[in-house]
Amino acid sequence: MHKIVPVLMSGGMGTRLWPISNRYTPKPFVRLPSGDRLIDLTYRRASVFEPDHIVTFTNRRYDKLTQEAATSASANSHAHFHLVLEDDVKNTAPVIITAAEYISRHIGSDALMLVMPADHLIEDTVAFGDCVRLAAEHAETGALMVFGLKPRYAETNYGYIRVSEKMKRPGIYPADGFKEKPSAETAAAYVKDGGYFWNMGIFCFRADAVIRSYQTHCPEMPAIASRAIDAETAMPSPHMSVMHLNRPAFAEFKEISVDYAIMEKDANVCMVKADFGWRDMGSWRMIREAESGKADKHGNISVGNNLLIDTQNTFVWGTCKPIAAIGLDNLTIAETPNAILISKNSESAEIKAAYEHFETPVLPDKTTSVCLMQHDKARVDSVQVLPGKEFLYKVPYGMSIEIRVLSGMLSVADQPHTEYRQRQSLYLHAQSEIKLCNYENSPLLLSITVVYTLRFRMVNMTGMFKRIRYAAVVLTVWICAAVPAYPQDYGKKTPYGFAQQLASEGDYYRTSEVLLPLLLKNPAQEKELKLFLESAYHLKDTGLTLLLLKKHPDMPPDLKDRILKTVALTELRKGEPEQAQIYLVQTSQPKNYAVAYNPEAMLDPDKVAFRSSVLPGLGLVYTGAYGKAAGVFLLNIISFGLAVHSYQRENYGAALLFGFFGYQFYRGGVNASRESAEQYNSHVRSQAEQQIALKLETELFKF
């Protein structure tokens, strides 16, 4: 079975869990009375399967919180953590197809995806692991697996799955239909029917299987997802990579759940029956159930330094201030530094209205700019940019500008992957203009400080001495500008010399950046081209090399071919022939570099195993493993011969034992034949890939 790749969806806002869940600290980052956050517990569950990769989808405003949680989880896991940041909330269908395309491209199309929200609470992790392994075994056949729980009561905030009475195998049922959040009467009827299960929102399937389902039922979504993951990847640490999805591409998705998109349409959907103490921590009711073991004899649950007198069936959550509840019944009280909630226990759905009232900012009618201070040497403006709006700011000649973010997040139109957060500043100089963008859901508040430079102050200056000093400053600036802009400590005044020094220090990316403008002017410069290709080859991150192609789309075809071949050669040396082929097909003559091998030289592992099943060791002969073949044959002959001899002497126990050993040797020979055939095929492929790599090296470094 292939290794499981957990995919965490950390996008739940938790509107029914307000005020502890809010727009700054949403549901996955809520800290429970135990001290753990829900996302920490989810990472802990994911690490049980010892995965090599863990993928997390979250909103970009929560990237720091998610990075903090992933860094903490990496201390107890060898997995590489992939953080994928989205700008808009698009429901589960866009997230799952984007995750499948991402995993197919970066990990493997045959990877088993375990998709699970990051805001669930699971008490029995052992039973959860057994249930996941059962679902994974069936998902290997291409089925789309969904987890279902027998409903404990009529819940209107969950989806329901209708299943067939006939099981495919113990614990696995064919799914006959999906029902999204029914009314109270319909939910009660589902519970009474007995053929409906709660949809837990946990899925398991192969990446290629779910992509095929999307291509059949939502054919436009895989193409959008493929464009969305065409983005740069940053690595803040060796165990973590962060990708900010292509915003315009991801915005093309419609907001739709995976149940509506493919699950209720696909014929190969099965449900695995789950029972491992699951709770969707999306409401205060679930919090009360999770903490029910702490209830006193009156049914009260208290979290924090609280006092309850003559009170029954009341839940009190305090964080900062002590709470005294006197003479109350059937209430939920929650206190945070920013808000207080007092509600009946049955009014969890109405809490969403309070969230929308207090957490949704009141927006002004238009973008505003107000001058806060005016001086003969400086001016300070306050600018408020509405969500989704842009603000063009022009810097006049003779001024310097500091733009400081007071609240929100600032994006710049010509810097798509650069963001400025609260208390960060952006500096601009004379005769420039910048388009300030607000891609968030709340207003962006900026403080813009305008400082008049030396030229404007000269107007009011008098006296020959001040004029001479100004002229000396201008002359000094002019002389400094005429000096070549190469660092003094390199001791080289030519770009090629500078590039050589950078290459000797291992800074191959900057080496490529220095040499590329020279090659764009004259691609025939052999020593510059040789150093450039060597630097591109030594780059471990081929994405940096490809970034040079994006920056210079008009480069000569021959130079572009050399860069693509260099990237492909790097991928081949890393053991990624499929990724190398992606770059080779973009060259001007892709047929010359196809990784080809003789199909007639390949062995069919099933046929080889069948030959060993007819005659022990025969399949191994076809793979050239003559020693193994002789050993398997002799062990089978000896074991079965001893079994027959013991049977003739009426020693049935020994005959049964030798027969069992013979059968095990027989099965081992069959499996060994299949593995030997696969190793033989891998060797054939490896030789073909080495031939392509040798051909690329010969063409690239033939100077």
Foldseek 3Di string as FASTA:
>chain_A
DAQEAEEEEAEAQLLLAPPLRAPLQGQQRRQALVRDGLLLVVLVLVCVSQGQEYEYEYAPSCPVVVVVSVVVSVVVHNHFYEYEHAHDQQAAPLVLLLVLLVCCVPPNQQHKYKYAYSNKDFDFSVLVVVLVVVQQVVQNVLFKEFAWEQDPAQFQQFKKWFFDPDAPDVQKTFTQAIGHRDDSVVSRVQNVVRRMTTGRRIIIHGSNSVNVQCCVQPVVSNVLSNQQQPFDWDDPDPRYIYTYTDHVSSVPRHRDYPRVRGVRPDRRYMYGYGDGRMDRPSHVVSSCVVQQVQADPQLEDERDQEAEECEHNEYEAEDPDYYYHYNYYQWYWHDDPVDIDIGGVVCSVCSSVVNCVPNQDDDDPAWDKAWPDDDLFKTKIKTKHAAFDKDKDFAAAQKKKKKAWQAAKKDWPVHHPDIHHHGGIDIDHHGDMTMIHHNHSGMTIIMMMIGGHDVSVVVPDDDPVVVVVVVVVVVVVVVVVPQQPDDPVQVDRDLQSSLVSCVVVVNLLVSLVSLVVVCQVPVPPVVSLLSNLVSCLPDLPVVSLVVVCVVCVPGDLVSLQLSLLSSLLSCVVVVNNVVSLVSLVPHPDSVVQDLDFDPVQADDLVVLLVVCLVQNLPSVVVLVPVVVSVVLNVLLCVLQVQLVVCVVVVVNVSNVVSVVSNVVSSVVSSVVSSVSSVVSNVVRSNVSSVVSSVVSCCVSNVD
